């Protein structure tokens, strides 16, 4: 992934990961993504470049749990 593209989403990913780590486990990635999207600030919601932001969050969370999220080294560690 290009560094510029990652930089555009870094603050969104930080917020998403922070909210995800606060959620009680076990919770499916799909349900967590929906809850997180509902909690996001409206300014962050507008910055998604997709028709289905909850699905994008779901993809990011799946990658985060697997340790394959681009730029994960700049994010807090995953807490199961």
PDB file of N, CA and C in Angstrom:
ATOM      1  N   UNK A   1       0.844  -1.172   0.000  1.00  0.00           N
ATOM      2  CA  UNK A   1       0.000   0.000   0.000  1.00  0.00           C
ATOM      3  C   UNK A   1       0.890   1.236   0.000  1.00  0.00           C
ATOM      4  N   UNK A   2       0.478   2.221  -0.763  1.00  0.00           N
ATOM      5  CA  UNK A   2       1.256   3.452  -0.803  1.00  0.00           C
ATOM      6  C   UNK A   2       1.210   4.144   0.553  1.00  0.00           C
ATOM      7  N   UNK A   3       2.325   4.759   0.935  1.00  0.00           N
ATOM      8  CA  UNK A   3       2.411   5.420   2.221  1.00  0.00           C
ATOM      9  C   UNK A   3       1.412   6.575   2.323  1.00  0.00           C
ATOM     10  N   UNK A   4       1.233   7.315   1.232  1.00  0.00           N
ATOM     11  CA  UNK A   4       0.297   8.434   1.244  1.00  0.00           C
ATOM     12  C   UNK A   4      -1.127   7.946   1.500  1.00  0.00           C
ATOM     13  N   UNK A   5      -1.504   6.838   0.902  1.00  0.00           N
ATOM     14  CA  UNK A   5      -2.850   6.303   1.092  1.00  0.00           C
ATOM     15  C   UNK A   5      -3.031   5.842   2.535  1.00  0.00           C
ATOM     16  N   UNK A   6      -2.029   5.200   3.097  1.00  0.00           N
ATOM     17  CA  UNK A   6      -2.136   4.756   4.480  1.00  0.00           C
ATOM     18  C   UNK A   6      -2.259   5.951   5.409  1.00  0.00           C
ATOM     19  N   UNK A   7      -1.491   7.001   5.146  1.00  0.00           N
ATOM     20  CA  UNK A   7      -1.532   8.189   5.991  1.00  0.00           C
ATOM     21  C   UNK A   7      -2.913   8.815   6.038  1.00  0.00           C
ATOM     22  N   UNK A   8      -3.632   8.717   4.945  1.00  0.00           N
ATOM     23  CA  UNK A   8      -4.985   9.277   4.869  1.00  0.00           C
ATOM     24  C   UNK A   8      -5.924   8.570   5.838  1.00  0.00           C
ATOM     25  N   UNK A   9      -5.704   7.307   6.088  1.00  0.00           N
ATOM     26  CA  UNK A   9      -6.592   6.517   6.935  1.00  0.00           C
ATOM     27  C   UNK A   9      -6.022   6.224   8.323  1.00  0.00           C
ATOM     28  N   UNK A  10      -4.833   6.694   8.632  1.00  0.00           N
ATOM     29  CA  UNK A  10      -4.204   6.348   9.907  1.00  0.00           C
ATOM     30  C   UNK A  10      -5.064   6.761  11.095  1.00  0.00           C
ATOM     31  N   UNK A  11      -5.568   7.984  11.119  1.00  0.00           N
ATOM     32  CA  UNK A  11      -6.358   8.416  12.265  1.00  0.00           C
ATOM     33  C   UNK A  11      -7.677   7.643  12.368  1.00  0.00           C
ATOM     34  N   UNK A  12      -8.248   7.271  11.225  1.00  0.00           N
ATOM     35  CA  UNK A  12      -9.470   6.462  11.256  1.00  0.00           C
ATOM     36  C   UNK A  12      -9.156   5.075  11.817  1.00  0.00           C
ATOM     37  N   UNK A  13      -8.061   4.480  11.354  1.00  0.00           N
ATOM     38  CA  UNK A  13      -7.683   3.148  11.838  1.00  0.00           C
ATOM     39  C   UNK A  13      -7.353   3.181  13.326  1.00  0.00           C
ATOM     40  N   UNK A  14      -6.696   4.246  13.791  1.00  0.00           N
ATOM     41  CA  UNK A  14      -6.398   4.367  15.218  1.00  0.00           C
ATOM     42  C   UNK A  14      -7.686   4.391  16.036  1.00  0.00           C
ATOM     43  N   UNK A  15      -8.659   5.151  15.574  1.00  0.00           N
ATOM     44  CA  UNK A  15      -9.943   5.229  16.274  1.00  0.00           C
ATOM     45  C   UNK A  15     -10.663   3.883  16.244  1.00  0.00           C
ATOM     46  N   UNK A  16     -10.682   3.243  15.080  1.00  0.00           N
ATOM     47  CA  UNK A  16     -11.355   1.948  14.925  1.00  0.00           C
ATOM     48  C   UNK A  16     -10.715   0.901  15.834  1.00  0.00           C
ATOM     49  N   UNK A  17      -9.395   0.831  15.831  1.00  0.00           N
ATOM     50  CA  UNK A  17      -8.684  -0.153  16.650  1.00  0.00           C
ATOM     51  C   UNK A  17      -8.893   0.136  18.134  1.00  0.00           C
ATOM     52  N   UNK A  18      -8.861   1.407  18.512  1.00  0.00           N
ATOM     53  CA  UNK A  18      -9.095   1.762  19.905  1.00  0.00           C
ATOM     54  C   UNK A  18     -10.474   1.334  20.381  1.00  0.00           C
ATOM     55  N   UNK A  19     -11.481   1.601  19.566  1.00  0.00           N
ATOM     56  CA  UNK A  19     -12.844   1.193  19.918  1.00  0.00           C
ATOM     57  C   UNK A  19     -12.976  -0.326  19.942  1.00  0.00           C
ATOM     58  N   UNK A  20     -12.316  -0.998  19.000  1.00  0.00           N
ATOM     59  CA  UNK A  20     -12.374  -2.461  18.946  1.00  0.00           C
ATOM     60  C   UNK A  20     -11.759  -3.083  20.195  1.00  0.00           C
ATOM     61  N   UNK A  21     -10.635  -2.554  20.645  1.00  0.00           N
ATOM     62  CA  UNK A  21      -9.973  -3.109  21.828  1.00  0.00           C
ATOM     63  C   UNK A  21     -10.790  -2.886  23.099  1.00  0.00           C
ATOM     64  N   UNK A  22     -11.692  -1.890  23.090  1.00  0.00           N
ATOM     65  CA  UNK A  22     -12.533  -1.624  24.256  1.00  0.00           C
ATOM     66  C   UNK A  22     -13.780  -2.508  24.299  1.00  0.00           C
ATOM     67  N   UNK A  23     -14.161  -3.087  23.166  1.00  0.00           N
ATOM     68  CA  UNK A  23     -15.368  -3.913  23.114  1.00  0.00           C
ATOM     69  C   UNK A  23     -15.161  -5.226  23.861  1.00  0.00           C
ATOM     70  N   UNK A  24     -16.233  -5.731  24.491  1.00  0.00           N
ATOM     71  CA  UNK A  24     -16.119  -7.033  25.163  1.00  0.00           C
ATOM     72  C   UNK A  24     -15.928  -8.147  24.136  1.00  0.00           C
ATOM     73  N   UNK A  25     -15.112  -9.115  24.484  1.00  0.00           N
ATOM     74  CA  UNK A  25     -14.874 -10.258  23.603  1.00  0.00           C
ATOM     75  C   UNK A  25     -15.567 -11.466  24.209  1.00  0.00           C
ATOM     76  N   UNK A  26     -16.002 -12.471  23.531  1.00  0.00           N
ATOM     77  CA  UNK A  26     -15.923 -12.616  22.083  1.00  0.00           C
ATOM     78  C   UNK A  26     -17.073 -11.885  21.401  1.00  0.00           C
ATOM     79  N   UNK A  27     -16.768 -11.262  20.313  1.00  0.00           N
ATOM     80  CA  UNK A  27     -17.743 -10.553  19.498  1.00  0.00           C
ATOM     81  C   UNK A  27     -17.312 -10.739  18.057  1.00  0.00           C
ATOM     82  N   UNK A  28     -18.245 -11.053  17.191  1.00  0.00           N
ATOM     83  CA  UNK A  28     -17.862 -11.276  15.796  1.00  0.00           C
ATOM     84  C   UNK A  28     -17.350  -9.974  15.192  1.00  0.00           C
ATOM     85  N   UNK A  29     -16.489 -10.113  14.213  1.00  0.00           N
ATOM     86  CA  UNK A  29     -15.922  -8.948  13.540  1.00  0.00           C
ATOM     87  C   UNK A  29     -17.034  -8.138  12.879  1.00  0.00           C
ATOM     88  N   UNK A  30     -18.015  -8.812  12.322  1.00  0.00           N
ATOM     89  CA  UNK A  30     -19.126  -8.117  11.652  1.00  0.00           C
ATOM     90  C   UNK A  30     -19.926  -7.264  12.643  1.00  0.00           C
ATOM     91  N   UNK A  31     -20.252  -7.826  13.800  1.00  0.00           N
ATOM     92  CA  UNK A  31     -21.001  -7.069  14.808  1.00  0.00           C
ATOM     93  C   UNK A  31     -20.156  -5.937  15.381  1.00  0.00           C
ATOM     94  N   UNK A  32     -18.880  -6.202  15.593  1.00  0.00           N
ATOM     95  CA  UNK A  32     -17.985  -5.175  16.108  1.00  0.00           C
ATOM     96  C   UNK A  32     -17.873  -4.019  15.120  1.00  0.00           C
ATOM     97  N   UNK A  33     -17.760  -4.325  13.831  1.00  0.00           N
ATOM     98  CA  UNK A  33     -17.643  -3.283  12.808  1.00  0.00           C
ATOM     99  C   UNK A  33     -18.876  -2.394  12.800  1.00  0.00           C
ATOM    100  N   UNK A  34     -20.051  -2.989  12.920  1.00  0.00           N
ATOM    101  CA  UNK A  34     -21.295  -2.211  12.939  1.00  0.00           C
ATOM    102  C   UNK A  34     -21.340  -1.296  14.151  1.00  0.00           C
ATOM    103  N   UNK A  35     -20.982  -1.825  15.325  1.00  0.00           N
ATOM    104  CA  UNK A  35     -20.985  -1.017  16.545  1.00  0.00           C
ATOM    105  C   UNK A  35     -19.978   0.120  16.453  1.00  0.00           C
ATOM    106  N   UNK A  36     -18.798  -0.175  15.928  1.00  0.00           N
ATOM    107  CA  UNK A  36     -17.753   0.841  15.810  1.00  0.00           C
ATOM    108  C   UNK A  36     -18.179   1.930  14.839  1.00  0.00           C
ATOM    109  N   UNK A  37     -18.744   1.549  13.700  1.00  0.00           N
ATOM    110  CA  UNK A  37     -19.186   2.551  12.733  1.00  0.00           C
ATOM    111  C   UNK A  37     -20.237   3.469  13.352  1.00  0.00           C
ATOM    112  N   UNK A  38     -21.136   2.913  14.142  1.00  0.00           N
ATOM    113  CA  UNK A  38     -22.167   3.720  14.794  1.00  0.00           C
ATOM    114  C   UNK A  38     -21.574   4.688  15.817  1.00  0.00           C
ATOM    115  N   UNK A  39     -20.409   4.357  16.379  1.00  0.00           N
ATOM    116  CA  UNK A  39     -19.771   5.200  17.387  1.00  0.00           C
ATOM    117  C   UNK A  39     -18.828   6.242  16.796  1.00  0.00           C
ATOM    118  N   UNK A  40     -18.449   6.086  15.536  1.00  0.00           N
ATOM    119  CA  UNK A  40     -17.479   6.999  14.933  1.00  0.00           C
ATOM    120  C   UNK A  40     -18.031   8.412  14.808  1.00  0.00           C
ATOM    121  N   UNK A  41     -17.149   9.370  14.955  1.00  0.00           N
ATOM    122  CA  UNK A  41     -17.478  10.774  14.768  1.00  0.00           C
ATOM    123  C   UNK A  41     -17.896  11.018  13.316  1.00  0.00           C
ATOM    124  N   UNK A  42     -18.811  11.929  13.102  1.00  0.00           N
ATOM    125  CA  UNK A  42     -19.312  12.186  11.742  1.00  0.00           C
ATOM    126  C   UNK A  42     -18.210  12.669  10.803  1.00  0.00           C
ATOM    127  N   UNK A  43     -17.205  13.371  11.327  1.00  0.00           N
ATOM    128  CA  UNK A  43     -16.093  13.836  10.477  1.00  0.00           C
ATOM    129  C   UNK A  43     -15.288  12.652   9.941  1.00  0.00           C
ATOM    130  N   UNK A  44     -15.096  11.645  10.774  1.00  0.00           N
ATOM    131  CA  UNK A  44     -14.373  10.458  10.324  1.00  0.00           C
ATOM    132  C   UNK A  44     -15.214   9.646   9.346  1.00  0.00           C
ATOM    133  N   UNK A  45     -16.508   9.587   9.566  1.00  0.00           N
ATOM    134  CA  UNK A  45     -17.388   8.843   8.661  1.00  0.00           C
ATOM    135  C   UNK A  45     -17.332   9.398   7.240  1.00  0.00           C
ATOM    136  N   UNK A  46     -17.239  10.710   7.122  1.00  0.00           N
ATOM    137  CA  UNK A  46     -17.230  11.342   5.801  1.00  0.00           C
ATOM    138  C   UNK A  46     -15.972  11.029   5.006  1.00  0.00           C
ATOM    139  N   UNK A  47     -14.910  10.611   5.665  1.00  0.00           N
ATOM    140  CA  UNK A  47     -13.633  10.387   4.986  1.00  0.00           C
ATOM    141  C   UNK A  47     -13.504   9.009   4.364  1.00  0.00           C
ATOM    142  N   UNK A  48     -14.457   8.134   4.602  1.00  0.00           N
ATOM    143  CA  UNK A  48     -14.415   6.817   3.969  1.00  0.00           C
ATOM    144  C   UNK A  48     -14.669   6.961   2.480  1.00  0.00           C
ATOM    145  N   UNK A  49     -13.860   6.271   1.683  1.00  0.00           N
ATOM    146  CA  UNK A  49     -13.992   6.327   0.221  1.00  0.00           C
ATOM    147  C   UNK A  49     -14.653   5.051  -0.292  1.00  0.00           C
ATOM    148  N   UNK A  50     -15.705   4.634   0.378  1.00  0.00           N
ATOM    149  CA  UNK A  50     -16.395   3.404   0.005  1.00  0.00           C
ATOM    150  C   UNK A  50     -17.895   3.574   0.220  1.00  0.00           C
ATOM    151  N   UNK A  51     -18.669   2.783  -0.478  1.00  0.00           N
ATOM    152  CA  UNK A  51     -20.122   2.835  -0.318  1.00  0.00           C
ATOM    153  C   UNK A  51     -20.583   2.117   0.945  1.00  0.00           C
ATOM    154  N   UNK A  52     -19.754   1.246   1.475  1.00  0.00           N
ATOM    155  CA  UNK A  52     -20.118   0.456   2.650  1.00  0.00           C
ATOM    156  C   UNK A  52     -19.006   0.546   3.701  1.00  0.00           C
ATOM    157  N   UNK A  53     -18.957   1.649   4.459  1.00  0.00           N
ATOM    158  CA  UNK A  53     -17.880   1.824   5.442  1.00  0.00           C
ATOM    159  C   UNK A  53     -17.855   0.746   6.523  1.00  0.00           C
ATOM    160  N   UNK A  54     -19.015   0.236   6.922  1.00  0.00           N
ATOM    161  CA  UNK A  54     -19.032  -0.814   7.947  1.00  0.00           C
ATOM    162  C   UNK A  54     -18.316  -2.062   7.440  1.00  0.00           C
ATOM    163  N   UNK A  55     -18.467  -2.358   6.150  1.00  0.00           N
ATOM    164  CA  UNK A  55     -17.762  -3.508   5.574  1.00  0.00           C
ATOM    165  C   UNK A  55     -16.254  -3.246   5.543  1.00  0.00           C
ATOM    166  N   UNK A  56     -15.837  -2.018   5.231  1.00  0.00           N
ATOM    167  CA  UNK A  56     -14.412  -1.688   5.227  1.00  0.00           C
ATOM    168  C   UNK A  56     -13.829  -1.855   6.624  1.00  0.00           C
ATOM    169  N   UNK A  57     -14.569  -1.421   7.631  1.00  0.00           N
ATOM    170  CA  UNK A  57     -14.120  -1.597   9.014  1.00  0.00           C
ATOM    171  C   UNK A  57     -14.015  -3.082   9.337  1.00  0.00           C
ATOM    172  N   UNK A  58     -14.969  -3.859   8.864  1.00  0.00           N
ATOM    173  CA  UNK A  58     -14.944  -5.314   9.072  1.00  0.00           C
ATOM    174  C   UNK A  58     -13.679  -5.923   8.474  1.00  0.00           C
ATOM    175  N   UNK A  59     -13.311  -5.498   7.273  1.00  0.00           N
ATOM    176  CA  UNK A  59     -12.093  -5.989   6.618  1.00  0.00           C
ATOM    177  C   UNK A  59     -10.872  -5.597   7.439  1.00  0.00           C
ATOM    178  N   UNK A  60     -10.811  -4.332   7.873  1.00  0.00           N
ATOM    179  CA  UNK A  60      -9.679  -3.871   8.677  1.00  0.00           C
ATOM    180  C   UNK A  60      -9.559  -4.666   9.971  1.00  0.00           C
ATOM    181  N   UNK A  61     -10.684  -4.927  10.634  1.00  0.00           N
ATOM    182  CA  UNK A  61     -10.639  -5.668  11.897  1.00  0.00           C
ATOM    183  C   UNK A  61     -10.155  -7.099  11.687  1.00  0.00           C
ATOM    184  N   UNK A  62     -10.596  -7.730  10.615  1.00  0.00           N
ATOM    185  CA  UNK A  62     -10.114  -9.074  10.303  1.00  0.00           C
ATOM    186  C   UNK A  62      -8.615  -9.091  10.074  1.00  0.00           C
ATOM    187  N   UNK A  63      -8.113  -8.110   9.334  1.00  0.00           N
ATOM    188  CA  UNK A  63      -6.673  -8.010   9.092  1.00  0.00           C
ATOM    189  C   UNK A  63      -5.936  -7.708  10.394  1.00  0.00           C
ATOM    190  N   UNK A  64      -6.516  -6.857  11.230  1.00  0.00           N
ATOM    191  CA  UNK A  64      -5.901  -6.487  12.501  1.00  0.00           C
ATOM    192  C   UNK A  64      -5.749  -7.711  13.401  1.00  0.00           C
ATOM    193  N   UNK A  65      -6.801  -8.539  13.473  1.00  0.00           N
ATOM    194  CA  UNK A  65      -6.737  -9.742  14.297  1.00  0.00           C
ATOM    195  C   UNK A  65      -5.683 -10.721  13.791  1.00  0.00           C
ATOM    196  N   UNK A  66      -5.505 -10.785  12.462  1.00  0.00           N
ATOM    197  CA  UNK A  66      -4.518 -11.687  11.863  1.00  0.00           C
ATOM    198  C   UNK A  66      -3.111 -11.103  11.878  1.00  0.00           C
ATOM    199  N   UNK A  67      -2.989  -9.794  12.129  1.00  0.00           N
ATOM    200  CA  UNK A  67      -1.686  -9.141  12.109  1.00  0.00           C
ATOM    201  C   UNK A  67      -1.242  -8.729  10.720  1.00  0.00           C
ATOM    202  N   UNK A  68      -2.182  -8.621   9.769  1.00  0.00           N
ATOM    203  CA  UNK A  68      -1.823  -8.294   8.387  1.00  0.00           C
ATOM    204  C   UNK A  68      -2.352  -6.931   7.939  1.00  0.00           C
ATOM    205  N   UNK A  69      -2.855  -6.127   8.864  1.00  0.00           N
ATOM    206  CA  UNK A  69      -3.373  -4.809   8.508  1.00  0.00           C
ATOM    207  C   UNK A  69      -2.220  -3.905   8.091  1.00  0.00           C
ATOM    208  N   UNK A  70      -2.282  -3.296   6.904  1.00  0.00           N
ATOM    209  CA  UNK A  70      -1.202  -2.395   6.482  1.00  0.00           C
ATOM    210  C   UNK A  70      -0.995  -1.281   7.510  1.00  0.00           C
ATOM    211  N   UNK A  71       0.247  -1.121   7.941  1.00  0.00           N
ATOM    212  CA  UNK A  71       0.585  -0.109   8.934  1.00  0.00           C
ATOM    213  C   UNK A  71       0.307  -0.536  10.359  1.00  0.00           C
ATOM    214  N   UNK A  72       0.100  -1.813  10.586  1.00  0.00           N
ATOM    215  CA  UNK A  72      -0.253  -2.287  11.924  1.00  0.00           C
ATOM    216  C   UNK A  72       0.835  -1.989  12.953  1.00  0.00           C
ATOM    217  N   UNK A  73       2.059  -1.853  12.509  1.00  0.00           N
ATOM    218  CA  UNK A  73       3.141  -1.557  13.445  1.00  0.00           C
ATOM    219  C   UNK A  73       2.954  -0.188  14.103  1.00  0.00           C
ATOM    220  N   UNK A  74       2.141   0.689  13.508  1.00  0.00           N
ATOM    221  CA  UNK A  74       1.884   2.014  14.068  1.00  0.00           C
ATOM    222  C   UNK A  74       0.626   2.044  14.932  1.00  0.00           C
ATOM    223  N   UNK A  75      -0.034   0.905  15.086  1.00  0.00           N
ATOM    224  CA  UNK A  75      -1.280   0.822  15.838  1.00  0.00           C
ATOM    225  C   UNK A  75      -1.055   0.077  17.150  1.00  0.00           C
ATOM    226  N   UNK A  76      -1.955   0.251  18.126  1.00  0.00           N
ATOM    227  CA  UNK A  76      -1.826  -0.500  19.375  1.00  0.00           C
ATOM    228  C   UNK A  76      -1.902  -2.000  19.113  1.00  0.00           C
ATOM    229  N   UNK A  77      -1.251  -2.804  19.939  1.00  0.00           N
ATOM    230  CA  UNK A  77      -1.287  -4.259  19.735  1.00  0.00           C
ATOM    231  C   UNK A  77      -2.691  -4.814  19.951  1.00  0.00           C
ATOM    232  N   UNK A  78      -2.984  -5.897  19.248  1.00  0.00           N
ATOM    233  CA  UNK A  78      -4.284  -6.563  19.366  1.00  0.00           C
ATOM    234  C   UNK A  78      -4.394  -7.243  20.716  1.00  0.00           C
ATOM    235  N   UNK A  79      -5.523  -7.025  21.382  1.00  0.00           N
ATOM    236  CA  UNK A  79      -5.798  -7.662  22.671  1.00  0.00           C
ATOM    237  C   UNK A  79      -7.014  -8.562  22.526  1.00  0.00           C
ATOM    238  N   UNK A  80      -6.808  -9.889  22.488  1.00  0.00           N
ATOM    239  CA  UNK A  80      -7.957 -10.809  22.345  1.00  0.00           C
ATOM    240  C   UNK A  80      -8.866 -10.804  23.567  1.00  0.00           C
TER     241      UNK A  80
END
